[in-house]
Amino acid sequence: MKEEMYSVEQVADRLDLHVRTVRGYIRSGRLRAVRIGKQYRITAGDLDAFTGQTRAVTTTAGPAEVSSIVQIDGVDRAAADRLGTLMLASANTGHDQAHPLRVQTVHDEERRRMKIIILGDPAATAELLHLLDAVLNADNGLLNREVRNA
């Protein structure tokens, strides 16, 4: 979060003081300021501290992120590819592009095991997990087709 900064002239106008008086406060150390080039800038917090005002602190939590790892046993390479494609396509469509879902898939052919790692916002992750659950538990789902054909 960027804090608002004021020029010496703006501070002088706000406090109804002469510009030289404000510069004198800065030079004496009574008013904190940052020198940028040849000019001073005063943050809103420093101005509040100088005038004895307290600024209401508003804290906003950043966006929440969920990480999920789903392990699926009994998956051959073809089913893993189809499932991975479905998860990636779903993650890349219809979600907030500012906070995209990230999906990684890993398949262990020897153990016939697949892991799907999902990182993202809680609602979008839940949506993707519901889709995965529906695909895996459907009577004609990706995995049931493989078991019947085997």
Protein backbone atom coordinates (compact mmCIF):
# COMPACT_ATOMS: atom_id res chain seq x y z
CA MET A 1 0.00 0.00 0.00
CA LYS A 2 1.53 3.35 -1.06
CA GLU A 3 1.29 6.21 1.36
CA GLU A 4 0.31 9.61 0.02
CA MET A 5 3.16 12.14 -0.21
CA TYR A 6 2.93 15.93 -0.15
CA SER A 7 5.22 18.66 -1.39
CA VAL A 8 6.41 21.43 0.91
CA GLU A 9 3.95 23.78 -0.78
CA GLN A 10 1.02 21.42 -0.18
CA VAL A 11 1.95 21.04 3.50
CA ALA A 12 2.25 24.79 3.85
CA ASP A 13 -1.24 25.23 2.36
CA ARG A 14 -2.72 22.54 4.60
CA LEU A 15 -1.22 24.00 7.75
CA ASP A 16 -1.74 27.61 6.69
CA LEU A 17 1.98 28.33 7.06
CA HIS A 18 4.59 29.96 4.88
CA VAL A 19 6.72 27.62 2.73
CA ARG A 20 9.91 28.85 4.47
CA THR A 21 8.45 27.89 7.85
CA VAL A 22 7.77 24.34 6.65
CA ARG A 23 11.29 24.08 5.23
CA GLY A 24 12.64 25.29 8.58
CA TYR A 25 10.70 22.52 10.39
CA ILE A 26 12.21 19.99 7.97
CA ARG A 27 15.78 21.29 8.41
CA SER A 28 15.45 21.33 12.20
CA GLY A 29 14.15 17.76 12.20
CA ARG A 30 10.73 18.61 13.66
CA LEU A 31 9.01 17.45 10.44
CA ARG A 32 10.29 14.32 8.76
CA ALA A 33 10.71 14.56 5.00
CA VAL A 34 12.41 12.71 2.19
CA ARG A 35 14.52 14.58 -0.30
CA ILE A 36 13.78 13.58 -3.89
CA GLY A 37 16.04 15.45 -6.27
CA LYS A 38 15.96 19.06 -5.15
CA GLN A 39 12.56 18.85 -3.45
CA TYR A 40 11.28 17.52 -0.17
CA ARG A 41 8.32 15.14 0.10
CA ILE A 42 6.39 14.56 3.32
CA THR A 43 4.36 11.39 3.85
CA ALA A 44 0.82 11.62 5.18
CA GLY A 45 1.91 9.67 8.27
CA ASP A 46 4.77 12.07 9.01
CA LEU A 47 2.45 15.04 8.58
CA ASP A 48 -0.07 13.44 10.96
CA ALA A 49 2.69 12.79 13.51
CA PHE A 50 3.84 16.39 13.21
CA THR A 51 0.34 17.77 13.73
CA GLY A 52 -0.51 15.25 16.46
CA GLN A 53 -3.26 13.58 14.51
CA THR A 54 -3.70 9.84 14.39
CA ARG A 55 -4.64 8.26 11.15
CA ALA A 56 -7.04 5.34 11.16
CA VAL A 57 -5.09 2.32 10.11
CA THR A 58 -6.94 0.14 7.70
CA THR A 59 -5.53 -3.27 7.17
CA THR A 60 -6.73 -5.35 4.34
CA ALA A 61 -5.71 -8.93 4.14
CA GLY A 62 -4.29 -10.05 0.86
CA PRO A 63 -6.14 -12.60 -1.17
CA ALA A 64 -6.33 -16.03 0.43
CA GLU A 65 -4.69 -18.90 -1.38
CA VAL A 66 -5.37 -22.61 -1.01
CA SER A 67 -3.04 -25.44 -1.92
CA SER A 68 -4.49 -28.88 -2.55
CA ILE A 69 -2.85 -32.15 -3.50
CA VAL A 70 -5.09 -34.89 -4.84
CA GLN A 71 -3.69 -38.39 -5.20
CA ILE A 72 -5.50 -40.85 -7.46
CA ASP A 73 -4.48 -44.49 -7.63
CA GLY A 74 -5.09 -46.88 -10.53
CA VAL A 75 -4.48 -44.38 -13.33
CA ASP A 76 -2.77 -45.34 -16.59
CA ARG A 77 -0.94 -42.86 -18.82
CA ALA A 78 -3.90 -42.22 -21.18
CA ALA A 79 -6.32 -41.48 -18.32
CA ALA A 80 -3.71 -39.28 -16.62
CA ASP A 81 -3.27 -37.28 -19.82
CA ARG A 82 -7.02 -36.80 -20.23
CA LEU A 83 -7.49 -35.87 -16.58
CA GLY A 84 -4.54 -33.47 -16.67
CA THR A 85 -5.87 -31.78 -19.80
CA LEU A 86 -9.33 -31.41 -18.24
CA MET A 87 -7.89 -29.87 -15.04
CA LEU A 88 -5.62 -27.45 -16.92
CA ALA A 89 -8.37 -26.39 -19.31
CA SER A 90 -10.79 -25.82 -16.46
CA ALA A 91 -8.22 -23.86 -14.46
CA ASN A 92 -7.49 -21.58 -17.42
CA THR A 93 -11.08 -20.68 -18.25
CA GLY A 94 -13.69 -18.68 -16.41
CA HIS A 95 -11.59 -17.60 -13.43
CA ASP A 96 -10.25 -14.26 -12.23
CA GLN A 97 -7.17 -13.62 -14.36
CA ALA A 98 -5.67 -11.39 -11.66
CA HIS A 99 -5.46 -14.45 -9.39
CA PRO A 100 -5.15 -17.43 -11.72
CA LEU A 101 -5.37 -21.04 -10.61
CA ARG A 102 -2.14 -22.95 -10.98
CA VAL A 103 -2.37 -26.67 -11.68
CA GLN A 104 0.40 -29.24 -11.95
CA THR A 105 0.00 -32.92 -12.61
CA VAL A 106 2.43 -35.76 -11.99
CA HIS A 107 1.93 -39.34 -13.12
CA ASP A 108 3.91 -42.34 -11.84
CA GLU A 109 3.44 -45.07 -14.43
CA GLU A 110 5.11 -47.72 -12.32
CA ARG A 111 2.69 -47.24 -9.41
CA ARG A 112 -0.23 -46.19 -11.66
CA ARG A 113 -0.65 -43.13 -9.46
CA MET A 114 -1.42 -39.54 -10.36
CA LYS A 115 -1.08 -36.43 -8.25
CA ILE A 116 -2.79 -33.15 -9.06
CA ILE A 117 -1.53 -30.04 -7.29
CA ILE A 118 -3.86 -27.01 -7.29
CA LEU A 119 -2.93 -23.56 -6.01
CA GLY A 120 -5.34 -20.66 -6.07
CA ASP A 121 -8.19 -18.77 -4.53
CA PRO A 122 -10.46 -20.86 -2.26
CA ALA A 123 -13.65 -20.57 -4.34
CA ALA A 124 -11.97 -21.37 -7.66
CA THR A 125 -10.05 -24.26 -6.09
CA ALA A 126 -13.26 -25.67 -4.61
CA GLU A 127 -14.92 -25.43 -8.03
CA LEU A 128 -12.08 -27.35 -9.63
CA LEU A 129 -12.16 -29.99 -6.88
CA HIS A 130 -15.92 -30.44 -7.37
CA LEU A 131 -15.33 -30.97 -11.08
CA LEU A 132 -12.62 -33.51 -10.33
CA ASP A 133 -14.90 -35.30 -7.87
CA ALA A 134 -17.71 -35.45 -10.43
CA VAL A 135 -15.40 -36.83 -13.11
CA LEU A 136 -13.87 -39.44 -10.82
CA ASN A 137 -17.15 -40.62 -9.30
CA ALA A 138 -19.31 -40.64 -12.42
CA ASP A 139 -20.43 -44.07 -13.64
CA ASN A 140 -18.92 -43.36 -17.03
CA GLY A 141 -15.99 -41.33 -15.69
CA LEU A 142 -12.44 -41.31 -16.99
CA LEU A 143 -11.19 -43.97 -14.62
CA ASN A 144 -14.18 -46.33 -14.76
CA ARG A 145 -13.75 -46.62 -18.53
CA GLU A 146 -10.16 -47.77 -18.02
CA VAL A 147 -11.11 -50.37 -15.41
CA ARG A 148 -13.84 -51.88 -17.64
CA ASN A 149 -11.54 -52.02 -20.67
CA ALA A 150 -8.66 -53.58 -18.72
